[in-house]
Every structure is written in C-alpha cells, then in structure tokens.
C-alpha cells in the first residue's frame, strides 16, 4: 500500500459556491473514509487556496475515481486536479518506514 495525494486547484468563487455542493461532497468523502481509502482531506490556507486529500491504496486509481465523481470537480469548483504518490518514510503511519 502507498499514500496518494489528490490536490485540487480551486476556482476563484469556490467559497461562494461551495455550500450548494458540500453535502454531496462530504457524503462521498466520508464513504471513502469508511472504506479505508481516504485518510485525511480538507481545504488549505486561510483564506482557502487549494485542497488536499490523502488516500491509501495500491495505485492512484481510487483517488482518480474520487476526483471524477466529486461534485466539486463536476460542477467546476475545482479547476484542476492531480494525483501523486507520496513516499511516506517517517511517522507512525508511514507506508514504507525507514529508520536511521
């Protein structure tokens, strides 16, 4: 298993439009969390600049499928997204721990 970061670039009017899609987005996110796929997710910055979602899986497909189904993406609140493998090596939940 590996960690995968899904990063979102947000539309300039993200905060103004978020409320109408937030419930559907959160249902999708919590369902992924309950399946053990999504570990953490949230907006970054104050004011909000972008968003990060941390997935656990064998490949990027779960994170990619999440983005494709996310109402924030489908409704244009997210203007761009990408999935990258995050090689976690230190910490209690590191996917590939390396000790000194």
PDB file of N, CA and C in Angstrom:
ATOM      1  N   UNK A   1       0.842  -1.188   0.000  1.00  0.00           N
ATOM      2  CA  UNK A   1       0.000   0.000   0.000  1.00  0.00           C
ATOM      3  C   UNK A   1       0.883   1.246   0.000  1.00  0.00           C
ATOM      4  N   UNK A   2       0.384   2.281  -0.613  1.00  0.00           N
ATOM      5  CA  UNK A   2       1.111   3.548  -0.691  1.00  0.00           C
ATOM      6  C   UNK A   2       0.147   4.694  -0.406  1.00  0.00           C
ATOM      7  N   UNK A   3       0.704   5.844  -0.100  1.00  0.00           N
ATOM      8  CA  UNK A   3      -0.097   7.055   0.065  1.00  0.00           C
ATOM      9  C   UNK A   3      -0.156   7.794  -1.267  1.00  0.00           C
ATOM     10  N   UNK A   4      -1.306   8.370  -1.536  1.00  0.00           N
ATOM     11  CA  UNK A   4      -1.546   9.133  -2.763  1.00  0.00           C
ATOM     12  C   UNK A   4      -2.172  10.462  -2.394  1.00  0.00           C
ATOM     13  N   UNK A   5      -1.587  11.548  -2.862  1.00  0.00           N
ATOM     14  CA  UNK A   5      -2.115  12.887  -2.622  1.00  0.00           C
ATOM     15  C   UNK A   5      -2.920  13.352  -3.831  1.00  0.00           C
ATOM     16  N   UNK A   6      -4.159  13.671  -3.586  1.00  0.00           N
ATOM     17  CA  UNK A   6      -5.010  14.292  -4.596  1.00  0.00           C
ATOM     18  C   UNK A   6      -5.038  15.775  -4.271  1.00  0.00           C
ATOM     19  N   UNK A   7      -4.534  16.590  -5.180  1.00  0.00           N
ATOM     20  CA  UNK A   7      -4.521  18.035  -4.946  1.00  0.00           C
ATOM     21  C   UNK A   7      -5.505  18.704  -5.890  1.00  0.00           C
ATOM     22  N   UNK A   8      -6.234  19.651  -5.334  1.00  0.00           N
ATOM     23  CA  UNK A   8      -7.249  20.401  -6.073  1.00  0.00           C
ATOM     24  C   UNK A   8      -6.809  21.851  -6.224  1.00  0.00           C
ATOM     25  N   UNK A   9      -6.960  22.392  -7.420  1.00  0.00           N
ATOM     26  CA  UNK A   9      -6.860  23.818  -7.660  1.00  0.00           C
ATOM     27  C   UNK A   9      -8.294  24.339  -7.652  1.00  0.00           C
ATOM     28  N   UNK A  10      -8.558  25.334  -6.857  1.00  0.00           N
ATOM     29  CA  UNK A  10      -9.925  25.801  -6.652  1.00  0.00           C
ATOM     30  C   UNK A  10     -10.248  27.024  -7.505  1.00  0.00           C
ATOM     31  N   UNK A  11     -11.497  27.089  -7.945  1.00  0.00           N
ATOM     32  CA  UNK A  11     -11.988  28.236  -8.706  1.00  0.00           C
ATOM     33  C   UNK A  11     -11.994  29.475  -7.803  1.00  0.00           C
ATOM     34  N   UNK A  12     -11.848  30.660  -8.384  1.00  0.00           N
ATOM     35  CA  UNK A  12     -11.851  31.889  -7.577  1.00  0.00           C
ATOM     36  C   UNK A  12     -13.126  32.054  -6.738  1.00  0.00           C
ATOM     37  N   UNK A  13     -14.257  31.530  -7.222  1.00  0.00           N
ATOM     38  CA  UNK A  13     -15.524  31.664  -6.489  1.00  0.00           C
ATOM     39  C   UNK A  13     -15.871  30.401  -5.688  1.00  0.00           C
ATOM     40  N   UNK A  14     -14.867  29.596  -5.392  1.00  0.00           N
ATOM     41  CA  UNK A  14     -15.073  28.334  -4.667  1.00  0.00           C
ATOM     42  C   UNK A  14     -15.874  28.534  -3.380  1.00  0.00           C
ATOM     43  N   UNK A  15     -15.456  29.465  -2.544  1.00  0.00           N
ATOM     44  CA  UNK A  15     -16.138  29.657  -1.262  1.00  0.00           C
ATOM     45  C   UNK A  15     -17.580  30.108  -1.427  1.00  0.00           C
ATOM     46  N   UNK A  16     -17.848  30.914  -2.423  1.00  0.00           N
ATOM     47  CA  UNK A  16     -19.205  31.393  -2.647  1.00  0.00           C
ATOM     48  C   UNK A  16     -20.131  30.272  -3.128  1.00  0.00           C
ATOM     49  N   UNK A  17     -19.599  29.312  -3.873  1.00  0.00           N
ATOM     50  CA  UNK A  17     -20.422  28.258  -4.470  1.00  0.00           C
ATOM     51  C   UNK A  17     -20.384  26.936  -3.703  1.00  0.00           C
ATOM     52  N   UNK A  18     -19.484  26.808  -2.766  1.00  0.00           N
ATOM     53  CA  UNK A  18     -19.269  25.532  -2.081  1.00  0.00           C
ATOM     54  C   UNK A  18     -20.513  25.011  -1.363  1.00  0.00           C
ATOM     55  N   UNK A  19     -21.262  25.857  -0.719  1.00  0.00           N
ATOM     56  CA  UNK A  19     -22.371  25.421   0.136  1.00  0.00           C
ATOM     57  C   UNK A  19     -23.361  24.513  -0.590  1.00  0.00           C
ATOM     58  N   UNK A  20     -23.682  24.818  -1.819  1.00  0.00           N
ATOM     59  CA  UNK A  20     -24.707  24.028  -2.517  1.00  0.00           C
ATOM     60  C   UNK A  20     -24.245  22.624  -2.889  1.00  0.00           C
ATOM     61  N   UNK A  21     -22.936  22.358  -2.876  1.00  0.00           N
ATOM     62  CA  UNK A  21     -22.408  21.037  -3.236  1.00  0.00           C
ATOM     63  C   UNK A  21     -21.725  20.335  -2.064  1.00  0.00           C
ATOM     64  N   UNK A  22     -21.601  21.019  -0.953  1.00  0.00           N
ATOM     65  CA  UNK A  22     -20.814  20.493   0.166  1.00  0.00           C
ATOM     66  C   UNK A  22     -21.359  19.175   0.720  1.00  0.00           C
ATOM     67  N   UNK A  23     -22.659  19.056   0.894  1.00  0.00           N
ATOM     68  CA  UNK A  23     -23.245  17.839   1.458  1.00  0.00           C
ATOM     69  C   UNK A  23     -22.903  16.621   0.593  1.00  0.00           C
ATOM     70  N   UNK A  24     -23.089  16.730  -0.717  1.00  0.00           N
ATOM     71  CA  UNK A  24     -22.773  15.608  -1.614  1.00  0.00           C
ATOM     72  C   UNK A  24     -21.278  15.287  -1.589  1.00  0.00           C
ATOM     73  N   UNK A  25     -20.447  16.319  -1.532  1.00  0.00           N
ATOM     74  CA  UNK A  25     -19.003  16.125  -1.456  1.00  0.00           C
ATOM     75  C   UNK A  25     -18.637  15.383  -0.172  1.00  0.00           C
ATOM     76  N   UNK A  26     -19.222  15.800   0.949  1.00  0.00           N
ATOM     77  CA  UNK A  26     -18.905  15.175   2.227  1.00  0.00           C
ATOM     78  C   UNK A  26     -19.410  13.733   2.312  1.00  0.00           C
ATOM     79  N   UNK A  27     -20.555  13.449   1.726  1.00  0.00           N
ATOM     80  CA  UNK A  27     -21.048  12.065   1.688  1.00  0.00           C
ATOM     81  C   UNK A  27     -20.055  11.188   0.934  1.00  0.00           C
ATOM     82  N   UNK A  28     -19.575  11.668  -0.196  1.00  0.00           N
ATOM     83  CA  UNK A  28     -18.585  10.935  -0.990  1.00  0.00           C
ATOM     84  C   UNK A  28     -17.293  10.742  -0.192  1.00  0.00           C
ATOM     85  N   UNK A  29     -16.836  11.799   0.468  1.00  0.00           N
ATOM     86  CA  UNK A  29     -15.586  11.736   1.228  1.00  0.00           C
ATOM     87  C   UNK A  29     -15.701  10.789   2.417  1.00  0.00           C
ATOM     88  N   UNK A  30     -16.766  10.877   3.172  1.00  0.00           N
ATOM     89  CA  UNK A  30     -16.913  10.006   4.342  1.00  0.00           C
ATOM     90  C   UNK A  30     -17.099   8.553   3.939  1.00  0.00           C
ATOM     91  N   UNK A  31     -17.751   8.293   2.821  1.00  0.00           N
ATOM     92  CA  UNK A  31     -17.876   6.913   2.338  1.00  0.00           C
ATOM     93  C   UNK A  31     -16.494   6.342   2.004  1.00  0.00           C
ATOM     94  N   UNK A  32     -15.654   7.147   1.362  1.00  0.00           N
ATOM     95  CA  UNK A  32     -14.284   6.713   1.056  1.00  0.00           C
ATOM     96  C   UNK A  32     -13.482   6.507   2.335  1.00  0.00           C
ATOM     97  N   UNK A  33     -13.696   7.354   3.327  1.00  0.00           N
ATOM     98  CA  UNK A  33     -13.002   7.214   4.606  1.00  0.00           C
ATOM     99  C   UNK A  33     -13.442   5.936   5.320  1.00  0.00           C
ATOM    100  N   UNK A  34     -14.722   5.648   5.290  1.00  0.00           N
ATOM    101  CA  UNK A  34     -15.223   4.439   5.950  1.00  0.00           C
ATOM    102  C   UNK A  34     -14.711   3.171   5.281  1.00  0.00           C
ATOM    103  N   UNK A  35     -14.414   3.227   3.999  1.00  0.00           N
ATOM    104  CA  UNK A  35     -13.824   2.084   3.299  1.00  0.00           C
ATOM    105  C   UNK A  35     -12.318   1.978   3.534  1.00  0.00           C
ATOM    106  N   UNK A  36     -11.736   2.964   4.210  1.00  0.00           N
ATOM    107  CA  UNK A  36     -10.306   2.958   4.480  1.00  0.00           C
ATOM    108  C   UNK A  36      -9.464   3.513   3.345  1.00  0.00           C
ATOM    109  N   UNK A  37     -10.093   4.121   2.364  1.00  0.00           N
ATOM    110  CA  UNK A  37      -9.378   4.670   1.208  1.00  0.00           C
ATOM    111  C   UNK A  37      -8.876   6.089   1.460  1.00  0.00           C
ATOM    112  N   UNK A  38      -9.716   6.913   2.040  1.00  0.00           N
ATOM    113  CA  UNK A  38      -9.396   8.322   2.299  1.00  0.00           C
ATOM    114  C   UNK A  38      -8.995   8.473   3.756  1.00  0.00           C
ATOM    115  N   UNK A  39      -7.784   8.968   3.991  1.00  0.00           N
ATOM    116  CA  UNK A  39      -7.274   9.104   5.358  1.00  0.00           C
ATOM    117  C   UNK A  39      -7.539  10.492   5.930  1.00  0.00           C
ATOM    118  N   UNK A  40      -7.308  11.518   5.132  1.00  0.00           N
ATOM    119  CA  UNK A  40      -7.498  12.903   5.546  1.00  0.00           C
ATOM    120  C   UNK A  40      -7.864  13.745   4.339  1.00  0.00           C
ATOM    121  N   UNK A  41      -8.626  14.802   4.564  1.00  0.00           N
ATOM    122  CA  UNK A  41      -8.973  15.698   3.460  1.00  0.00           C
ATOM    123  C   UNK A  41      -9.362  17.055   4.022  1.00  0.00           C
ATOM    124  N   UNK A  42      -9.097  18.092   3.237  1.00  0.00           N
ATOM    125  CA  UNK A  42      -9.526  19.411   3.655  1.00  0.00           C
ATOM    126  C   UNK A  42      -8.925  20.523   2.827  1.00  0.00           C
ATOM    127  N   UNK A  43      -9.488  21.690   3.034  1.00  0.00           N
ATOM    128  CA  UNK A  43      -9.013  22.889   2.352  1.00  0.00           C
ATOM    129  C   UNK A  43      -7.719  23.357   3.009  1.00  0.00           C
ATOM    130  N   UNK A  44      -6.885  24.039   2.229  1.00  0.00           N
ATOM    131  CA  UNK A  44      -5.587  24.519   2.702  1.00  0.00           C
ATOM    132  C   UNK A  44      -5.558  26.042   2.600  1.00  0.00           C
ATOM    133  N   UNK A  45      -5.089  26.668   3.672  1.00  0.00           N
ATOM    134  CA  UNK A  45      -4.917  28.117   3.667  1.00  0.00           C
ATOM    135  C   UNK A  45      -6.049  28.845   4.359  1.00  0.00           C
ATOM    136  N   UNK A  46      -5.752  30.065   4.732  1.00  0.00           N
ATOM    137  CA  UNK A  46      -6.743  30.943   5.344  1.00  0.00           C
ATOM    138  C   UNK A  46      -6.440  32.361   4.893  1.00  0.00           C
ATOM    139  N   UNK A  47      -7.064  32.814   3.825  1.00  0.00           N
ATOM    140  CA  UNK A  47      -8.212  32.215   3.146  1.00  0.00           C
ATOM    141  C   UNK A  47      -7.834  30.968   2.336  1.00  0.00           C
ATOM    142  N   UNK A  48      -8.839  30.203   2.000  1.00  0.00           N
ATOM    143  CA  UNK A  48      -8.646  28.943   1.290  1.00  0.00           C
ATOM    144  C   UNK A  48      -7.956  29.173  -0.046  1.00  0.00           C
ATOM    145  N   UNK A  49      -6.899  28.391  -0.295  1.00  0.00           N
ATOM    146  CA  UNK A  49      -6.132  28.495  -1.538  1.00  0.00           C
ATOM    147  C   UNK A  49      -6.299  27.276  -2.428  1.00  0.00           C
ATOM    148  N   UNK A  50      -6.309  26.097  -1.810  1.00  0.00           N
ATOM    149  CA  UNK A  50      -6.466  24.845  -2.548  1.00  0.00           C
ATOM    150  C   UNK A  50      -6.937  23.784  -1.569  1.00  0.00           C
ATOM    151  N   UNK A  51      -6.928  22.515  -1.980  1.00  0.00           N
ATOM    152  CA  UNK A  51      -7.359  21.432  -1.102  1.00  0.00           C
ATOM    153  C   UNK A  51      -6.481  20.217  -1.342  1.00  0.00           C
ATOM    154  N   UNK A  52      -6.313  19.408  -0.290  1.00  0.00           N
ATOM    155  CA  UNK A  52      -5.535  18.181  -0.358  1.00  0.00           C
ATOM    156  C   UNK A  52      -6.340  17.036   0.230  1.00  0.00           C
ATOM    157  N   UNK A  53      -6.245  15.884  -0.427  1.00  0.00           N
ATOM    158  CA  UNK A  53      -6.907  14.675   0.045  1.00  0.00           C
ATOM    159  C   UNK A  53      -5.871  13.557   0.031  1.00  0.00           C
ATOM    160  N   UNK A  54      -5.726  12.855   1.136  1.00  0.00           N
ATOM    161  CA  UNK A  54      -4.731  11.804   1.279  1.00  0.00           C
ATOM    162  C   UNK A  54      -5.410  10.442   1.217  1.00  0.00           C
ATOM    163  N   UNK A  55      -5.027   9.642   0.228  1.00  0.00           N
ATOM    164  CA  UNK A  55      -5.590   8.312   0.025  1.00  0.00           C
ATOM    165  C   UNK A  55      -4.546   7.249   0.331  1.00  0.00           C
ATOM    166  N   UNK A  56      -5.020   6.054   0.636  1.00  0.00           N
ATOM    167  CA  UNK A  56      -4.179   4.888   0.830  1.00  0.00           C
ATOM    168  C   UNK A  56      -4.629   3.830  -0.163  1.00  0.00           C
ATOM    169  N   UNK A  57      -3.697   3.283  -0.948  1.00  0.00           N
ATOM    170  CA  UNK A  57      -4.069   2.262  -1.918  1.00  0.00           C
ATOM    171  C   UNK A  57      -2.873   1.718  -2.667  1.00  0.00           C
ATOM    172  N   UNK A  58      -3.142   0.736  -3.502  1.00  0.00           N
ATOM    173  CA  UNK A  58      -2.085   0.114  -4.295  1.00  0.00           C
ATOM    174  C   UNK A  58      -1.678   0.968  -5.489  1.00  0.00           C
ATOM    175  N   UNK A  59      -2.572   1.815  -5.950  1.00  0.00           N
ATOM    176  CA  UNK A  59      -2.300   2.667  -7.101  1.00  0.00           C
ATOM    177  C   UNK A  59      -3.133   3.923  -7.029  1.00  0.00           C
ATOM    178  N   UNK A  60      -3.012   4.799  -8.010  1.00  0.00           N
ATOM    179  CA  UNK A  60      -3.707   6.083  -7.995  1.00  0.00           C
ATOM    180  C   UNK A  60      -5.188   5.998  -8.363  1.00  0.00           C
ATOM    181  N   UNK A  61      -5.642   4.834  -8.778  1.00  0.00           N
ATOM    182  CA  UNK A  61      -6.993   4.714  -9.335  1.00  0.00           C
ATOM    183  C   UNK A  61      -8.104   5.154  -8.378  1.00  0.00           C
ATOM    184  N   UNK A  62      -7.979   4.835  -7.104  1.00  0.00           N
ATOM    185  CA  UNK A  62      -9.026   5.213  -6.141  1.00  0.00           C
ATOM    186  C   UNK A  62      -9.135   6.728  -6.025  1.00  0.00           C
ATOM    187  N   UNK A  63      -8.004   7.392  -5.932  1.00  0.00           N
ATOM    188  CA  UNK A  63      -8.015   8.857  -5.842  1.00  0.00           C
ATOM    189  C   UNK A  63      -8.543   9.476  -7.137  1.00  0.00           C
ATOM    190  N   UNK A  64      -8.152   8.907  -8.262  1.00  0.00           N
ATOM    191  CA  UNK A  64      -8.629   9.417  -9.553  1.00  0.00           C
ATOM    192  C   UNK A  64     -10.135   9.240  -9.695  1.00  0.00           C
ATOM    193  N   UNK A  65     -10.647   8.097  -9.255  1.00  0.00           N
ATOM    194  CA  UNK A  65     -12.094   7.845  -9.328  1.00  0.00           C
ATOM    195  C   UNK A  65     -12.848   8.792  -8.400  1.00  0.00           C
ATOM    196  N   UNK A  66     -12.267   9.065  -7.247  1.00  0.00           N
ATOM    197  CA  UNK A  66     -12.893  10.021  -6.331  1.00  0.00           C
ATOM    198  C   UNK A  66     -13.035  11.382  -7.009  1.00  0.00           C
ATOM    199  N   UNK A  67     -11.960  11.868  -7.591  1.00  0.00           N
ATOM    200  CA  UNK A  67     -11.988  13.180  -8.245  1.00  0.00           C
ATOM    201  C   UNK A  67     -13.016  13.205  -9.373  1.00  0.00           C
ATOM    202  N   UNK A  68     -13.079  12.144 -10.155  1.00  0.00           N
ATOM    203  CA  UNK A  68     -14.016  12.099 -11.279  1.00  0.00           C
ATOM    204  C   UNK A  68     -15.468  12.136 -10.819  1.00  0.00           C
ATOM    205  N   UNK A  69     -15.738  11.646  -9.606  1.00  0.00           N
ATOM    206  CA  UNK A  69     -17.110  11.606  -9.092  1.00  0.00           C
ATOM    207  C   UNK A  69     -17.442  12.778  -8.173  1.00  0.00           C
ATOM    208  N   UNK A  70     -16.452  13.545  -7.773  1.00  0.00           N
ATOM    209  CA  UNK A  70     -16.653  14.617  -6.794  1.00  0.00           C
ATOM    210  C   UNK A  70     -17.466  15.758  -7.395  1.00  0.00           C
ATOM    211  N   UNK A  71     -18.568  16.142  -6.732  1.00  0.00           N
ATOM    212  CA  UNK A  71     -19.365  17.266  -7.248  1.00  0.00           C
ATOM    213  C   UNK A  71     -18.575  18.568  -7.340  1.00  0.00           C
ATOM    214  N   UNK A  72     -17.581  18.754  -6.499  1.00  0.00           N
ATOM    215  CA  UNK A  72     -16.754  19.950  -6.608  1.00  0.00           C
ATOM    216  C   UNK A  72     -16.043  19.989  -7.962  1.00  0.00           C
ATOM    217  N   UNK A  73     -15.597  18.848  -8.436  1.00  0.00           N
ATOM    218  CA  UNK A  73     -14.945  18.764  -9.742  1.00  0.00           C
ATOM    219  C   UNK A  73     -15.989  18.875 -10.849  1.00  0.00           C
ATOM    220  N   UNK A  74     -17.048  18.080 -10.733  1.00  0.00           N
ATOM    221  CA  UNK A  74     -18.074  18.027 -11.782  1.00  0.00           C
ATOM    222  C   UNK A  74     -18.764  19.367 -12.000  1.00  0.00           C
ATOM    223  N   UNK A  75     -18.883  20.168 -10.944  1.00  0.00           N
ATOM    224  CA  UNK A  75     -19.588  21.449 -11.037  1.00  0.00           C
ATOM    225  C   UNK A  75     -18.653  22.644 -11.216  1.00  0.00           C
ATOM    226  N   UNK A  76     -17.352  22.391 -11.403  1.00  0.00           N
ATOM    227  CA  UNK A  76     -16.414  23.455 -11.730  1.00  0.00           C
ATOM    228  C   UNK A  76     -15.851  24.234 -10.563  1.00  0.00           C
ATOM    229  N   UNK A  77     -16.085  23.793  -9.324  1.00  0.00           N
ATOM    230  CA  UNK A  77     -15.465  24.458  -8.184  1.00  0.00           C
ATOM    231  C   UNK A  77     -13.978  24.140  -8.126  1.00  0.00           C
ATOM    232  N   UNK A  78     -13.612  22.997  -8.690  1.00  0.00           N
ATOM    233  CA  UNK A  78     -12.220  22.591  -8.828  1.00  0.00           C
ATOM    234  C   UNK A  78     -11.847  22.772 -10.293  1.00  0.00           C
ATOM    235  N   UNK A  79     -10.844  23.579 -10.555  1.00  0.00           N
ATOM    236  CA  UNK A  79     -10.468  23.877 -11.942  1.00  0.00           C
ATOM    237  C   UNK A  79      -9.355  22.969 -12.451  1.00  0.00           C
ATOM    238  N   UNK A  80      -8.726  22.242 -11.541  1.00  0.00           N
ATOM    239  CA  UNK A  80      -7.678  21.310 -11.925  1.00  0.00           C
ATOM    240  C   UNK A  80      -7.363  20.395 -10.763  1.00  0.00           C
ATOM    241  N   UNK A  81      -6.941  19.186 -11.076  1.00  0.00           N
ATOM    242  CA  UNK A  81      -6.550  18.252 -10.018  1.00  0.00           C
ATOM    243  C   UNK A  81      -5.485  17.303 -10.541  1.00  0.00           C
ATOM    244  N   UNK A  82      -4.711  16.741  -9.596  1.00  0.00           N
ATOM    245  CA  UNK A  82      -3.736  15.729  -9.970  1.00  0.00           C
ATOM    246  C   UNK A  82      -3.488  14.814  -8.779  1.00  0.00           C
ATOM    247  N   UNK A  83      -3.063  13.604  -9.093  1.00  0.00           N
ATOM    248  CA  UNK A  83      -2.752  12.606  -8.082  1.00  0.00           C
ATOM    249  C   UNK A  83      -1.264  12.293  -8.170  1.00  0.00           C
ATOM    250  N   UNK A  84      -0.607  12.316  -7.008  1.00  0.00           N
ATOM    251  CA  UNK A  84       0.817  11.996  -6.949  1.00  0.00           C
ATOM    252  C   UNK A  84       1.064  11.018  -5.811  1.00  0.00           C
ATOM    253  N   UNK A  85       1.989  10.090  -6.057  1.00  0.00           N
ATOM    254  CA  UNK A  85       2.389   9.172  -4.989  1.00  0.00           C
ATOM    255  C   UNK A  85       3.213   9.954  -3.983  1.00  0.00           C
ATOM    256  N   UNK A  86       2.932   9.722  -2.702  1.00  0.00           N
ATOM    257  CA  UNK A  86       3.672  10.359  -1.632  1.00  0.00           C
ATOM    258  C   UNK A  86       4.425   9.255  -0.904  1.00  0.00           C
ATOM    259  N   UNK A  87       5.718   9.230  -1.053  1.00  0.00           N
ATOM    260  CA  UNK A  87       6.561   8.195  -0.462  1.00  0.00           C
ATOM    261  C   UNK A  87       6.792   8.529   1.010  1.00  0.00           C
ATOM    262  N   UNK A  88       5.875   8.111   1.861  1.00  0.00           N
ATOM    263  CA  UNK A  88       5.971   8.404   3.290  1.00  0.00           C
ATOM    264  C   UNK A  88       6.951   7.438   3.948  1.00  0.00           C
ATOM    265  N   UNK A  89       7.939   7.986   4.657  1.00  0.00           N
ATOM    266  CA  UNK A  89       9.005   7.164   5.232  1.00  0.00           C
ATOM    267  C   UNK A  89       9.163   7.327   6.741  1.00  0.00           C
ATOM    268  N   UNK A  90       8.575   8.332   7.339  1.00  0.00           N
ATOM    269  CA  UNK A  90       8.699   8.542   8.771  1.00  0.00           C
ATOM    270  C   UNK A  90       7.326   8.832   9.358  1.00  0.00           C
ATOM    271  N   UNK A  91       7.119   8.344  10.554  1.00  0.00           N
ATOM    272  CA  UNK A  91       5.852   8.545  11.235  1.00  0.00           C
ATOM    273  C   UNK A  91       5.135   7.229  11.453  1.00  0.00           C
ATOM    274  N   UNK A  92       4.232   7.224  12.404  1.00  0.00           N
ATOM    275  CA  UNK A  92       3.512   6.014  12.794  1.00  0.00           C
ATOM    276  C   UNK A  92       2.820   5.329  11.627  1.00  0.00           C
ATOM    277  N   UNK A  93       2.273   6.089  10.689  1.00  0.00           N
ATOM    278  CA  UNK A  93       1.504   5.519   9.582  1.00  0.00           C
ATOM    279  C   UNK A  93       2.250   5.556   8.249  1.00  0.00           C
ATOM    280  N   UNK A  94       3.555   5.703   8.282  1.00  0.00           N
ATOM    281  CA  UNK A  94       4.348   5.747   7.045  1.00  0.00           C
ATOM    282  C   UNK A  94       4.134   4.453   6.262  1.00  0.00           C
ATOM    283  N   UNK A  95       3.966   4.584   4.953  1.00  0.00           N
ATOM    284  CA  UNK A  95       3.732   3.415   4.104  1.00  0.00           C
ATOM    285  C   UNK A  95       4.985   2.566   3.953  1.00  0.00           C
ATOM    286  N   UNK A  96       6.146   3.216   3.888  1.00  0.00           N
ATOM    287  CA  UNK A  96       7.422   2.492   3.775  1.00  0.00           C
ATOM    288  C   UNK A  96       8.411   3.084   4.762  1.00  0.00           C
ATOM    289  N   UNK A  97       8.268   2.730   6.051  1.00  0.00           N
ATOM    290  CA  UNK A  97       9.110   3.334   7.078  1.00  0.00           C
ATOM    291  C   UNK A  97      10.585   3.049   6.877  1.00  0.00           C
ATOM    292  N   UNK A  98      11.394   4.068   7.082  1.00  0.00           N
ATOM    293  CA  UNK A  98      12.849   3.954   7.029  1.00  0.00           C
ATOM    294  C   UNK A  98      13.378   4.540   8.322  1.00  0.00           C
ATOM    295  N   UNK A  99      14.049   3.726   9.075  1.00  0.00           N
ATOM    296  CA  UNK A  99      14.588   4.186  10.371  1.00  0.00           C
ATOM    297  C   UNK A  99      16.088   4.402  10.249  1.00  0.00           C
ATOM    298  N   UNK A 100      16.603   5.380  11.004  1.00  0.00           N
ATOM    299  CA  UNK A 100      18.049   5.634  10.966  1.00  0.00           C
ATOM    300  C   UNK A 100      18.841   4.496  11.602  1.00  0.00           C
TER     301      UNK A 100
END
